[in-house]
PDB file of N, CA and C in Angstrom:
ATOM      1  N   MET A   1     136.110  99.674 103.632  1.00  0.00           N
ATOM      2  CA  MET A   1     134.844  99.434 104.314  1.00  0.00           C
ATOM      3  C   MET A   1     133.713  99.540 103.289  1.00  0.00           C
ATOM      4  N   LYS A   2     132.815  98.590 103.355  1.00  0.00           N
ATOM      5  CA  LYS A   2     131.657  98.576 102.469  1.00  0.00           C
ATOM      6  C   LYS A   2     130.741  99.747 102.812  1.00  0.00           C
ATOM      7  N   GLN A   3     130.064 100.289 101.814  1.00  0.00           N
ATOM      8  CA  GLN A   3     129.200 101.445 102.017  1.00  0.00           C
ATOM      9  C   GLN A   3     127.825 101.083 102.575  1.00  0.00           C
ATOM     10  N   PHE A   4     127.571  99.795 102.753  1.00  0.00           N
ATOM     11  CA  PHE A   4     126.289  99.380 103.304  1.00  0.00           C
ATOM     12  C   PHE A   4     126.419  97.999 103.949  1.00  0.00           C
ATOM     13  N   THR A   5     125.433  97.686 104.779  1.00  0.00           N
ATOM     14  CA  THR A   5     125.360  96.387 105.439  1.00  0.00           C
ATOM     15  C   THR A   5     123.994  95.786 105.140  1.00  0.00           C
ATOM     16  N   LEU A   6     123.968  94.491 104.861  1.00  0.00           N
ATOM     17  CA  LEU A   6     122.712  93.783 104.607  1.00  0.00           C
ATOM     18  C   LEU A   6     122.366  92.893 105.787  1.00  0.00           C
ATOM     19  N   TYR A   7     121.106  92.796 106.083  1.00  0.00           N
ATOM     20  CA  TYR A   7     120.633  91.789 107.040  1.00  0.00           C
ATOM     21  C   TYR A   7     119.199  91.447 106.693  1.00  0.00           C
ATOM     22  N   LYS A   8     118.766  90.287 107.140  1.00  0.00           N
ATOM     23  CA  LYS A   8     117.418  89.852 106.788  1.00  0.00           C
ATOM     24  C   LYS A   8     116.499  89.862 107.998  1.00  0.00           C
ATOM     25  N   ARG A   9     115.233  90.112 107.702  1.00  0.00           N
ATOM     26  CA  ARG A   9     114.187  90.084 108.722  1.00  0.00           C
ATOM     27  C   ARG A   9     113.115  89.114 108.251  1.00  0.00           C
ATOM     28  N   PRO A  10     112.540  88.373 109.173  1.00  0.00           N
ATOM     29  CA  PRO A  10     111.494  87.425 108.772  1.00  0.00           C
ATOM     30  C   PRO A  10     110.215  88.147 108.356  1.00  0.00           C
ATOM     31  N   THR A  11     109.483  87.514 107.453  1.00  0.00           N
ATOM     32  CA  THR A  11     108.170  88.020 107.045  1.00  0.00           C
ATOM     33  C   THR A  11     107.105  87.202 107.762  1.00  0.00           C
ATOM     34  N   LYS A  12     105.854  87.438 107.436  1.00  0.00           N
ATOM     35  CA  LYS A  12     104.768  86.668 108.036  1.00  0.00           C
ATOM     36  C   LYS A  12     104.791  85.213 107.573  1.00  0.00           C
ATOM     37  N   LYS A  13     105.333  84.990 106.383  1.00  0.00           N
ATOM     38  CA  LYS A  13     105.388  83.636 105.841  1.00  0.00           C
ATOM     39  C   LYS A  13     106.561  82.876 106.434  1.00  0.00           C
ATOM     40  N   LYS A  14     106.321  81.651 106.773  1.00  0.00           N
ATOM     41  CA  LYS A  14     107.339  80.819 107.399  1.00  0.00           C
ATOM     42  C   LYS A  14     108.547  80.645 106.473  1.00  0.00           C
ATOM     43  N   ASN A  15     109.734  80.819 107.023  1.00  0.00           N
ATOM     44  CA  ASN A  15     111.004  80.671 106.307  1.00  0.00           C
ATOM     45  C   ASN A  15     111.166  81.636 105.135  1.00  0.00           C
ATOM     46  N   LYS A  16     110.488  82.776 105.169  1.00  0.00           N
ATOM     47  CA  LYS A  16     110.634  83.810 104.145  1.00  0.00           C
ATOM     48  C   LYS A  16     111.237  85.050 104.801  1.00  0.00           C
ATOM     49  N   TYR A  17     112.158  85.672 104.096  1.00  0.00           N
ATOM     50  CA  TYR A  17     112.857  86.833 104.640  1.00  0.00           C
ATOM     51  C   TYR A  17     112.914  87.957 103.612  1.00  0.00           C
ATOM     52  N   ILE A  18     112.985  89.177 104.117  1.00  0.00           N
ATOM     53  CA  ILE A  18     113.217  90.366 103.298  1.00  0.00           C
ATOM     54  C   ILE A  18     114.543  90.946 103.777  1.00  0.00           C
ATOM     55  N   TYR A  19     115.375  91.335 102.822  1.00  0.00           N
ATOM     56  CA  TYR A  19     116.661  91.920 103.180  1.00  0.00           C
ATOM     57  C   TYR A  19     116.541  93.429 103.363  1.00  0.00           C
ATOM     58  N   TYR A  20     117.159  93.902 104.440  1.00  0.00           N
ATOM     59  CA  TYR A  20     117.217  95.324 104.742  1.00  0.00           C
ATOM     60  C   TYR A  20     118.647  95.804 104.544  1.00  0.00           C
ATOM     61  N   VAL A  21     118.767  97.092 104.239  1.00  0.00           N
ATOM     62  CA  VAL A  21     120.071  97.686 103.955  1.00  0.00           C
ATOM     63  C   VAL A  21     120.295  98.861 104.903  1.00  0.00           C
ATOM     64  N   GLN A  22     121.486  98.904 105.489  1.00  0.00           N
ATOM     65  CA  GLN A  22     121.900 100.061 106.269  1.00  0.00           C
ATOM     66  C   GLN A  22     123.072 100.690 105.530  1.00  0.00           C
ATOM     67  N   PHE A  23     122.831 101.885 104.974  1.00  0.00           N
ATOM     68  CA  PHE A  23     123.900 102.610 104.323  1.00  0.00           C
ATOM     69  C   PHE A  23     124.747 103.275 105.398  1.00  0.00           C
ATOM     70  N   ARG A  24     125.936 103.675 105.024  1.00  0.00           N
ATOM     71  CA  ARG A  24     126.833 104.347 105.964  1.00  0.00           C
ATOM     72  C   ARG A  24     126.955 105.822 105.594  1.00  0.00           C
ATOM     73  N   ASP A  25     127.061 106.658 106.612  1.00  0.00           N
ATOM     74  CA  ASP A  25     127.246 108.085 106.361  1.00  0.00           C
ATOM     75  C   ASP A  25     128.714 108.372 106.087  1.00  0.00           C
ATOM     76  N   SER A  26     129.050 109.639 105.937  1.00  0.00           N
ATOM     77  CA  SER A  26     130.417 110.021 105.589  1.00  0.00           C
ATOM     78  C   SER A  26     131.425 109.671 106.686  1.00  0.00           C
ATOM     79  N   ASN A  27     130.949 109.458 107.916  1.00  0.00           N
ATOM     80  CA  ASN A  27     131.835 109.065 109.017  1.00  0.00           C
ATOM     81  C   ASN A  27     131.939 107.552 109.174  1.00  0.00           C
ATOM     82  N   GLY A  28     131.222 106.806 108.343  1.00  0.00           N
ATOM     83  CA  GLY A  28     131.243 105.348 108.422  1.00  0.00           C
ATOM     84  C   GLY A  28     130.223 104.763 109.372  1.00  0.00           C
ATOM     85  N   ASN A  29     129.379 105.604 109.954  1.00  0.00           N
ATOM     86  CA  ASN A  29     128.345 105.133 110.879  1.00  0.00           C
ATOM     87  C   ASN A  29     127.147 104.607 110.105  1.00  0.00           C
ATOM     88  N   ARG A  30     126.545 103.532 110.616  1.00  0.00           N
ATOM     89  CA  ARG A  30     125.349 102.993 109.983  1.00  0.00           C
ATOM     90  C   ARG A  30     124.176 103.938 110.174  1.00  0.00           C
ATOM     91  N   MET A  31     123.369 104.026 109.118  1.00  0.00           N
ATOM     92  CA  MET A  31     122.179 104.862 109.170  1.00  0.00           C
ATOM     93  C   MET A  31     120.956 103.979 109.376  1.00  0.00           C
ATOM     94  N   THR A  32     119.788 104.578 109.429  1.00  0.00           N
ATOM     95  CA  THR A  32     118.550 103.835 109.610  1.00  0.00           C
ATOM     96  C   THR A  32     118.353 102.843 108.468  1.00  0.00           C
ATOM     97  N   ALA A  33     117.966 101.631 108.809  1.00  0.00           N
ATOM     98  CA  ALA A  33     117.788 100.575 107.811  1.00  0.00           C
ATOM     99  C   ALA A  33     116.569 100.843 106.932  1.00  0.00           C
ATOM    100  N   VAL A  34     116.688 100.426 105.664  1.00  0.00           N
ATOM    101  CA  VAL A  34     115.575 100.518 104.717  1.00  0.00           C
ATOM    102  C   VAL A  34     115.393  99.161 104.050  1.00  0.00           C
ATOM    103  N   SER A  35     114.162  98.836 103.729  1.00  0.00           N
ATOM    104  CA  SER A  35     113.878  97.570 103.082  1.00  0.00           C
ATOM    105  C   SER A  35     114.299  97.626 101.621  1.00  0.00           C
ATOM    106  N   SER A  36     114.964  96.574 101.176  1.00  0.00           N
ATOM    107  CA  SER A  36     115.320  96.477  99.758  1.00  0.00           C
ATOM    108  C   SER A  36     114.165  95.868  98.970  1.00  0.00           C
ATOM    109  N   GLY A  37     113.248  95.219  99.672  1.00  0.00           N
ATOM    110  CA  GLY A  37     112.149  94.525  99.019  1.00  0.00           C
ATOM    111  C   GLY A  37     112.569  93.197  98.412  1.00  0.00           C
ATOM    112  N   ALA A  38     113.833  92.854  98.547  1.00  0.00           N
ATOM    113  CA  ALA A  38     114.370  91.633  97.936  1.00  0.00           C
ATOM    114  C   ALA A  38     114.362  90.475  98.922  1.00  0.00           C
ATOM    115  N   THR A  39     114.146  89.286  98.387  1.00  0.00           N
ATOM    116  CA  THR A  39     114.133  88.086  99.225  1.00  0.00           C
ATOM    117  C   THR A  39     115.430  87.285  99.092  1.00  0.00           C
ATOM    118  N   SER A  40     116.331  87.741  98.249  1.00  0.00           N
ATOM    119  CA  SER A  40     117.635  87.070  98.144  1.00  0.00           C
ATOM    120  C   SER A  40     118.736  88.095  98.411  1.00  0.00           C
ATOM    121  N   LYS A  41     119.832  87.618  98.956  1.00  0.00           N
ATOM    122  CA  LYS A  41     120.936  88.501  99.307  1.00  0.00           C
ATOM    123  C   LYS A  41     121.531  89.164  98.066  1.00  0.00           C
ATOM    124  N   SER A  42     121.661  88.421  96.983  1.00  0.00           N
ATOM    125  CA  SER A  42     122.258  88.988  95.766  1.00  0.00           C
ATOM    126  C   SER A  42     121.384  90.092  95.182  1.00  0.00           C
ATOM    127  N   LYS A  43     120.060  89.904  95.202  1.00  0.00           N
ATOM    128  CA  LYS A  43     119.156  90.941  94.691  1.00  0.00           C
ATOM    129  C   LYS A  43     119.188  92.176  95.589  1.00  0.00           C
ATOM    130  N   ALA A  44     119.272  91.952  96.891  1.00  0.00           N
ATOM    131  CA  ALA A  44     119.351  93.078  97.832  1.00  0.00           C
ATOM    132  C   ALA A  44     120.641  93.862  97.624  1.00  0.00           C
ATOM    133  N   GLU A  45     121.726  93.158  97.408  1.00  0.00           N
ATOM    134  CA  GLU A  45     122.999  93.822  97.165  1.00  0.00           C
ATOM    135  C   GLU A  45     122.960  94.627  95.864  1.00  0.00           C
ATOM    136  N   THR A  46     122.377  94.062  94.833  1.00  0.00           N
ATOM    137  CA  THR A  46     122.225  94.773  93.563  1.00  0.00           C
ATOM    138  C   THR A  46     121.374  96.020  93.752  1.00  0.00           C
ATOM    139  N   TRP A  47     120.291  95.897  94.509  1.00  0.00           N
ATOM    140  CA  TRP A  47     119.419  97.035  94.790  1.00  0.00           C
ATOM    141  C   TRP A  47     120.195  98.131  95.508  1.00  0.00           C
ATOM    142  N   ALA A  48     120.970  97.749  96.524  1.00  0.00           N
ATOM    143  CA  ALA A  48     121.734  98.727  97.307  1.00  0.00           C
ATOM    144  C   ALA A  48     122.760  99.450  96.436  1.00  0.00           C
ATOM    145  N   ILE A  49     123.446  98.704  95.604  1.00  0.00           N
ATOM    146  CA  ILE A  49     124.441  99.309  94.707  1.00  0.00           C
ATOM    147  C   ILE A  49     123.769 100.285  93.749  1.00  0.00           C
ATOM    148  N   ASN A  50     122.624  99.894  93.197  1.00  0.00           N
ATOM    149  CA  ASN A  50     121.878 100.792  92.306  1.00  0.00           C
ATOM    150  C   ASN A  50     121.451 102.066  93.028  1.00  0.00           C
ATOM    151  N   GLN A  51     121.047 101.941  94.289  1.00  0.00           N
ATOM    152  CA  GLN A  51     120.666 103.117  95.071  1.00  0.00           C
ATOM    153  C   GLN A  51     121.848 104.079  95.208  1.00  0.00           C
ATOM    154  N   LEU A  52     123.016 103.516  95.488  1.00  0.00           N
ATOM    155  CA  LEU A  52     124.214 104.343  95.630  1.00  0.00           C
ATOM    156  C   LEU A  52     124.623 104.985  94.307  1.00  0.00           C
ATOM    157  N   VAL A  53     124.650 104.182  93.251  1.00  0.00           N
ATOM    158  CA  VAL A  53     125.079 104.667  91.937  1.00  0.00           C
ATOM    159  C   VAL A  53     124.160 105.775  91.429  1.00  0.00           C
ATOM    160  N   ASN A  54     122.867 105.622  91.644  1.00  0.00           N
ATOM    161  CA  ASN A  54     121.895 106.598  91.150  1.00  0.00           C
ATOM    162  C   ASN A  54     121.643 107.752  92.123  1.00  0.00           C
ATOM    163  N   GLY A  55     122.375 107.769  93.228  1.00  0.00           N
ATOM    164  CA  GLY A  55     122.246 108.860  94.192  1.00  0.00           C
ATOM    165  C   GLY A  55     120.951 108.851  94.976  1.00  0.00           C
ATOM    166  N   LEU A  56     120.301 107.697  95.074  1.00  0.00           N
ATOM    167  CA  LEU A  56     119.017 107.598  95.770  1.00  0.00           C
ATOM    168  C   LEU A  56     119.162 107.230  97.244  1.00  0.00           C
ATOM    169  N   ALA A  57     120.326 106.722  97.611  1.00  0.00           N
ATOM    170  CA  ALA A  57     120.554 106.310  98.999  1.00  0.00           C
ATOM    171  C   ALA A  57     120.855 107.528  99.856  1.00  0.00           C
ATOM    172  N   LYS A  58     120.199 107.600 100.995  1.00  0.00           N
ATOM    173  CA  LYS A  58     120.482 108.687 101.931  1.00  0.00           C
ATOM    174  C   LYS A  58     121.735 108.299 102.701  1.00  0.00           C
ATOM    175  N   THR A  59     122.782 109.071 102.521  1.00  0.00           N
ATOM    176  CA  THR A  59     124.041 108.754 103.199  1.00  0.00           C
ATOM    177  C   THR A  59     124.573 109.927 104.011  1.00  0.00           C
ATOM    178  N   SER A  60     123.802 110.987 104.113  1.00  0.00           N
ATOM    179  CA  SER A  60     124.299 112.130 104.873  1.00  0.00           C
ATOM    180  C   SER A  60     123.297 112.670 105.889  1.00  0.00           C
ATOM    181  N   GLU A  61     122.136 112.112 105.920  1.00  0.00           N
ATOM    182  CA  GLU A  61     121.111 112.595 106.841  1.00  0.00           C
ATOM    183  C   GLU A  61     121.464 112.205 108.273  1.00  0.00           C
ATOM    184  N   ASN A  62     121.322 113.137 109.165  1.00  0.00           N
ATOM    185  CA  ASN A  62     121.595 112.884 110.574  1.00  0.00           C
ATOM    186  C   ASN A  62     120.537 113.616 111.395  1.00  0.00           C
ATOM    187  N   PRO A  63     119.286 113.114 111.349  1.00  0.00           N
ATOM    188  CA  PRO A  63     118.204 113.848 111.998  1.00  0.00           C
ATOM    189  C   PRO A  63     118.260 113.793 113.521  1.00  0.00           C
ATOM    190  N   LYS A  64     117.627 114.781 114.103  1.00  0.00           N
ATOM    191  CA  LYS A  64     117.438 114.777 115.547  1.00  0.00           C
ATOM    192  C   LYS A  64     116.277 113.832 115.862  1.00  0.00           C
ATOM    193  N   PHE A  65     116.231 113.366 117.094  1.00  0.00           N
ATOM    194  CA  PHE A  65     115.155 112.469 117.515  1.00  0.00           C
ATOM    195  C   PHE A  65     113.793 113.122 117.305  1.00  0.00           C
ATOM    196  N   SER A  66     113.686 114.421 117.563  1.00  0.00           N
ATOM    197  CA  SER A  66     112.402 115.112 117.415  1.00  0.00           C
ATOM    198  C   SER A  66     111.910 115.074 115.966  1.00  0.00           C
ATOM    199  N   THR A  67     112.826 115.178 115.009  1.00  0.00           N
ATOM    200  CA  THR A  67     112.453 115.104 113.598  1.00  0.00           C
ATOM    201  C   THR A  67     112.013 113.692 113.245  1.00  0.00           C
ATOM    202  N   PHE A  68     112.773 112.715 113.729  1.00  0.00           N
ATOM    203  CA  PHE A  68     112.470 111.317 113.480  1.00  0.00           C
ATOM    204  C   PHE A  68     111.099 110.943 114.053  1.00  0.00           C
ATOM    205  N   ALA A  69     110.773 111.464 115.218  1.00  0.00           N
ATOM    206  CA  ALA A  69     109.538 111.097 115.922  1.00  0.00           C
ATOM    207  C   ALA A  69     108.356 112.002 115.588  1.00  0.00           C
ATOM    208  N   LYS A  70     108.520 112.886 114.626  1.00  0.00           N
ATOM    209  CA  LYS A  70     107.487 113.882 114.311  1.00  0.00           C
ATOM    210  C   LYS A  70     106.100 113.276 114.113  1.00  0.00           C
ATOM    211  N   ASN A  71     105.988 112.206 113.342  1.00  0.00           N
ATOM    212  CA  ASN A  71     104.682 111.605 113.060  1.00  0.00           C
ATOM    213  C   ASN A  71     104.423 110.308 113.828  1.00  0.00           C
ATOM    214  N   TRP A  72     105.291 109.967 114.755  1.00  0.00           N
ATOM    215  CA  TRP A  72     105.088 108.721 115.493  1.00  0.00           C
ATOM    216  C   TRP A  72     103.790 108.777 116.288  1.00  0.00           C
ATOM    217  N   PHE A  73     103.001 107.737 116.108  1.00  0.00           N
ATOM    218  CA  PHE A  73     101.707 107.557 116.781  1.00  0.00           C
ATOM    219  C   PHE A  73     100.684 108.626 116.401  1.00  0.00           C
ATOM    220  N   VAL A  74     100.888 109.300 115.273  1.00  0.00           N
ATOM    221  CA  VAL A  74      99.892 110.236 114.758  1.00  0.00           C
ATOM    222  C   VAL A  74      99.038 109.464 113.761  1.00  0.00           C
ATOM    223  N   TRP A  75      97.777 109.310 114.093  1.00  0.00           N
ATOM    224  CA  TRP A  75      96.850 108.511 113.291  1.00  0.00           C
ATOM    225  C   TRP A  75      96.785 109.058 111.870  1.00  0.00           C
ATOM    226  N   GLY A  76      96.963 108.201 110.889  1.00  0.00           N
ATOM    227  CA  GLY A  76      96.903 108.600 109.492  1.00  0.00           C
ATOM    228  C   GLY A  76      98.227 109.101 108.920  1.00  0.00           C
ATOM    229  N   LYS A  77      99.247 109.282 109.759  1.00  0.00           N
ATOM    230  CA  LYS A  77     100.548 109.771 109.283  1.00  0.00           C
ATOM    231  C   LYS A  77     101.703 108.825 109.615  1.00  0.00           C
ATOM    232  N   CYS A  78     101.530 107.989 110.607  1.00  0.00           N
ATOM    233  CA  CYS A  78     102.609 107.130 111.091  1.00  0.00           C
ATOM    234  C   CYS A  78     102.633 105.805 110.324  1.00  0.00           C
ATOM    235  N   LYS A  79     103.745 105.544 109.648  1.00  0.00           N
ATOM    236  CA  LYS A  79     103.893 104.301 108.872  1.00  0.00           C
ATOM    237  C   LYS A  79     103.851 103.077 109.792  1.00  0.00           C
ATOM    238  N   TYR A  80     104.425 103.187 110.979  1.00  0.00           N
ATOM    239  CA  TYR A  80     104.392 102.083 111.942  1.00  0.00           C
ATOM    240  C   TYR A  80     102.945 101.732 112.288  1.00  0.00           C
ATOM    241  N   LEU A  81     102.143 102.747 112.571  1.00  0.00           N
ATOM    242  CA  LEU A  81     100.737 102.504 112.893  1.00  0.00           C
ATOM    243  C   LEU A  81     100.009 101.848 111.731  1.00  0.00           C
ATOM    244  N   GLU A  82     100.280 102.298 110.508  1.00  0.00           N
ATOM    245  CA  GLU A  82      99.648 101.697 109.335  1.00  0.00           C
ATOM    246  C   GLU A  82      99.918 100.197 109.283  1.00  0.00           C
ATOM    247  N   ARG A  83     101.185  99.817 109.525  1.00  0.00           N
ATOM    248  CA  ARG A  83     101.526  98.387 109.510  1.00  0.00           C
ATOM    249  C   ARG A  83     100.811  97.637 110.632  1.00  0.00           C
ATOM    250  N   GLN A  84     100.759  98.242 111.812  1.00  0.00           N
ATOM    251  CA  GLN A  84     100.102  97.584 112.940  1.00  0.00           C
ATOM    252  C   GLN A  84      98.608  97.432 112.701  1.00  0.00           C
ATOM    253  N   ILE A  85      97.992  98.435 112.142  1.00  0.00           N
ATOM    254  CA  ILE A  85      96.553  98.391 111.860  1.00  0.00           C
ATOM    255  C   ILE A  85      96.253  97.307 110.828  1.00  0.00           C
ATOM    256  N   ASN A  86      97.122  97.169 109.828  1.00  0.00           N
ATOM    257  CA  ASN A  86      96.925  96.144 108.801  1.00  0.00           C
ATOM    258  C   ASN A  86      97.139  94.737 109.344  1.00  0.00           C
ATOM    259  N   ARG A  87      97.950  94.590 110.370  1.00  0.00           N
ATOM    260  CA  ARG A  87      98.254  93.271 110.931  1.00  0.00           C
ATOM    261  C   ARG A  87      97.202  92.816 111.940  1.00  0.00           C
ATOM    262  N   ARG A  88      96.650  93.772 112.675  1.00  0.00           N
ATOM    263  CA  ARG A  88      95.700  93.413 113.735  1.00  0.00           C
ATOM    264  C   ARG A  88      94.899  94.639 114.135  1.00  0.00           C
ATOM    265  N   ASP A  89      93.969  94.427 115.024  1.00  0.00           N
ATOM    266  CA  ASP A  89      93.177  95.528 115.544  1.00  0.00           C
ATOM    267  C   ASP A  89      94.075  96.399 116.422  1.00  0.00           C
ATOM    268  N   TYR A  90      94.139  97.665 116.128  1.00  0.00           N
ATOM    269  CA  TYR A  90      94.976  98.600 116.886  1.00  0.00           C
ATOM    270  C   TYR A  90      94.119  99.813 117.217  1.00  0.00           C
ATOM    271  N   PRO A  91      93.687  99.942 118.459  1.00  0.00           N
ATOM    272  CA  PRO A  91      92.766 101.030 118.823  1.00  0.00           C
ATOM    273  C   PRO A  91      93.390 102.417 118.678  1.00  0.00           C
ATOM    274  N   ARG A  92      92.624 103.320 118.162  1.00  0.00           N
ATOM    275  CA  ARG A  92      93.089 104.698 118.005  1.00  0.00           C
ATOM    276  C   ARG A  92      93.396 105.327 119.359  1.00  0.00           C
ATOM    277  N   SER A  93      92.606 105.001 120.360  1.00  0.00           N
ATOM    278  CA  SER A  93      92.834 105.564 121.701  1.00  0.00           C
ATOM    279  C   SER A  93      94.199 105.141 122.250  1.00  0.00           C
ATOM    280  N   TYR A  94      94.630 103.916 121.928  1.00  0.00           N
ATOM    281  CA  TYR A  94      95.946 103.453 122.379  1.00  0.00           C
ATOM    282  C   TYR A  94      97.052 104.239 121.675  1.00  0.00           C
ATOM    283  N   ALA A  95      96.883 104.497 120.394  1.00  0.00           N
ATOM    284  CA  ALA A  95      97.867 105.292 119.637  1.00  0.00           C
ATOM    285  C   ALA A  95      97.957 106.701 120.214  1.00  0.00           C
ATOM    286  N   GLU A  96      96.812 107.280 120.533  1.00  0.00           N
ATOM    287  CA  GLU A  96      96.797 108.630 121.101  1.00  0.00           C
ATOM    288  C   GLU A  96      97.473 108.663 122.468  1.00  0.00           C
ATOM    289  N   HIS A  97      97.268 107.612 123.263  1.00  0.00           N
ATOM    290  CA  HIS A  97      97.930 107.512 124.565  1.00  0.00           C
ATOM    291  C   HIS A  97      99.450 107.418 124.391  1.00  0.00           C
ATOM    292  N   GLN A  98      99.892 106.595 123.431  1.00  0.00           N
ATOM    293  CA  GLN A  98     101.320 106.444 123.171  1.00  0.00           C
ATOM    294  C   GLN A  98     101.914 107.777 122.704  1.00  0.00           C
ATOM    295  N   ARG A  99     101.192 108.511 121.892  1.00  0.00           N
ATOM    296  CA  ARG A  99     101.664 109.815 121.419  1.00  0.00           C
ATOM    297  C   ARG A  99     101.842 110.775 122.589  1.00  0.00           C
ATOM    298  N   ARG A 100     100.880 110.794 123.511  1.00  0.00           N
ATOM    299  CA  ARG A 100     100.987 111.668 124.688  1.00  0.00           C
ATOM    300  C   ARG A 100     102.215 111.305 125.514  1.00  0.00           C
ATOM    301  N   LEU A 101     102.470 110.018 125.692  1.00  0.00           N
ATOM    302  CA  LEU A 101     103.669 109.598 126.435  1.00  0.00           C
ATOM    303  C   LEU A 101     104.939 110.083 125.737  1.00  0.00           C
ATOM    304  N   LEU A 102     104.973 109.936 124.438  1.00  0.00           N
ATOM    305  CA  LEU A 102     106.127 110.389 123.668  1.00  0.00           C
ATOM    306  C   LEU A 102     106.339 111.896 123.827  1.00  0.00           C
ATOM    307  N   VAL A 103     105.284 112.653 123.621  1.00  0.00           N
ATOM    308  CA  VAL A 103     105.383 114.119 123.665  1.00  0.00           C
ATOM    309  C   VAL A 103     105.696 114.630 125.070  1.00  0.00           C
ATOM    310  N   ASN A 104     105.046 114.062 126.077  1.00  0.00           N
ATOM    311  CA  ASN A 104     105.180 114.580 127.437  1.00  0.00           C
ATOM    312  C   ASN A 104     106.371 114.042 128.222  1.00  0.00           C
ATOM    313  N   HIS A 105     106.829 112.839 127.892  1.00  0.00           N
ATOM    314  CA  HIS A 105     107.859 112.230 128.727  1.00  0.00           C
ATOM    315  C   HIS A 105     109.169 111.899 128.016  1.00  0.00           C
ATOM    316  N   ILE A 106     109.117 111.638 126.748  1.00  0.00           N
ATOM    317  CA  ILE A 106     110.333 111.221 126.039  1.00  0.00           C
ATOM    318  C   ILE A 106     110.957 112.385 125.272  1.00  0.00           C
ATOM    319  N   LEU A 107     110.160 113.078 124.481  1.00  0.00           N
ATOM    320  CA  LEU A 107     110.709 114.188 123.686  1.00  0.00           C
ATOM    321  C   LEU A 107     111.376 115.288 124.510  1.00  0.00           C
ATOM    322  N   PRO A 108     110.837 115.658 125.658  1.00  0.00           N
ATOM    323  CA  PRO A 108     111.513 116.722 126.408  1.00  0.00           C
ATOM    324  C   PRO A 108     112.978 116.406 126.746  1.00  0.00           C
ATOM    325  N   TYR A 109     113.310 115.148 126.868  1.00  0.00           N
ATOM    326  CA  TYR A 109     114.673 114.774 127.231  1.00  0.00           C
ATOM    327  C   TYR A 109     115.545 114.432 126.027  1.00  0.00           C
ATOM    328  N   PHE A 110     114.943 113.898 124.971  1.00  0.00           N
ATOM    329  CA  PHE A 110     115.741 113.378 123.859  1.00  0.00           C
ATOM    330  C   PHE A 110     115.557 114.113 122.527  1.00  0.00           C
ATOM    331  N   GLU A 111     114.775 115.176 122.487  1.00  0.00           N
ATOM    332  CA  GLU A 111     114.453 115.812 121.218  1.00  0.00           C
ATOM    333  C   GLU A 111     115.665 116.311 120.435  1.00  0.00           C
ATOM    334  N   ASP A 112     116.726 116.734 121.095  1.00  0.00           N
ATOM    335  CA  ASP A 112     117.889 117.281 120.390  1.00  0.00           C
ATOM    336  C   ASP A 112     118.993 116.255 120.138  1.00  0.00           C
ATOM    337  N   TYR A 113     118.787 115.017 120.526  1.00  0.00           N
ATOM    338  CA  TYR A 113     119.789 113.979 120.299  1.00  0.00           C
ATOM    339  C   TYR A 113     119.820 113.600 118.823  1.00  0.00           C
ATOM    340  N   LYS A 114     121.019 113.441 118.283  1.00  0.00           N
ATOM    341  CA  LYS A 114     121.193 112.997 116.892  1.00  0.00           C
ATOM    342  C   LYS A 114     121.063 111.479 116.849  1.00  0.00           C
ATOM    343  N   LEU A 115     120.278 110.963 115.917  1.00  0.00           N
ATOM    344  CA  LEU A 115     120.040 109.526 115.834  1.00  0.00           C
ATOM    345  C   LEU A 115     121.304 108.738 115.502  1.00  0.00           C
ATOM    346  N   SER A 116     122.180 109.323 114.718  1.00  0.00           N
ATOM    347  CA  SER A 116     123.379 108.588 114.312  1.00  0.00           C
ATOM    348  C   SER A 116     124.282 108.250 115.484  1.00  0.00           C
ATOM    349  N   LYS A 117     124.133 108.968 116.565  1.00  0.00           N
ATOM    350  CA  LYS A 117     124.968 108.719 117.742  1.00  0.00           C
ATOM    351  C   LYS A 117     124.520 107.463 118.492  1.00  0.00           C
ATOM    352  N   TYR A 118     123.249 107.084 118.300  1.00  0.00           N
ATOM    353  CA  TYR A 118     122.678 105.946 118.995  1.00  0.00           C
ATOM    354  C   TYR A 118     122.128 104.976 117.970  1.00  0.00           C
ATOM    355  N   ARG A 119     122.722 103.836 117.843  1.00  0.00           N
ATOM    356  CA  ARG A 119     122.274 102.861 116.863  1.00  0.00           C
ATOM    357  C   ARG A 119     122.224 101.489 117.503  1.00  0.00           C
ATOM    358  N   CYS A 120     121.388 100.662 116.950  1.00  0.00           N
ATOM    359  CA  CYS A 120     121.259  99.289 117.414  1.00  0.00           C
ATOM    360  C   CYS A 120     122.158  98.409 116.543  1.00  0.00           C
ATOM    361  N   ASN A 121     122.823  97.497 117.161  1.00  0.00           N
ATOM    362  CA  ASN A 121     123.617  96.543 116.411  1.00  0.00           C
ATOM    363  C   ASN A 121     122.717  95.349 116.106  1.00  0.00           C
ATOM    364  N   SER A 122     122.381  95.175 114.847  1.00  0.00           N
ATOM    365  CA  SER A 122     121.429  94.135 114.452  1.00  0.00           C
ATOM    366  C   SER A 122     122.091  92.808 114.149  1.00  0.00           C
ATOM    367  N   ASN A 123     123.387  92.749 114.239  1.00  0.00           N
ATOM    368  CA  ASN A 123     124.085  91.496 113.909  1.00  0.00           C
ATOM    369  C   ASN A 123     124.317  90.651 115.135  1.00  0.00           C
TER     370      ASN A 123
END
């Protein structure tokens, strides 16, 4: 079994893609995808191999949902929000509302769940 899986996601530019890599943990489960920054499959594969060889790839992390969601919708700390703000107008009040929903309704039920147990099949 290969230690990682590659897949591409479209960029803002028409017919342009960035390859993402999902490394596998010690049990063979796919982990959270990371961008290789590469626009060709061969470059993405080379990047992934270099990450593994140099010990830079996270292959053993199995965070709880609460750890994963720690900075979600926190203004100035959430990477998702940064991307959304750069793409379009994203009101701070909406982010704060989303954070309250997460904290009050989602985290109480899912905070102790391990992310590796629940994964999306991107293929």
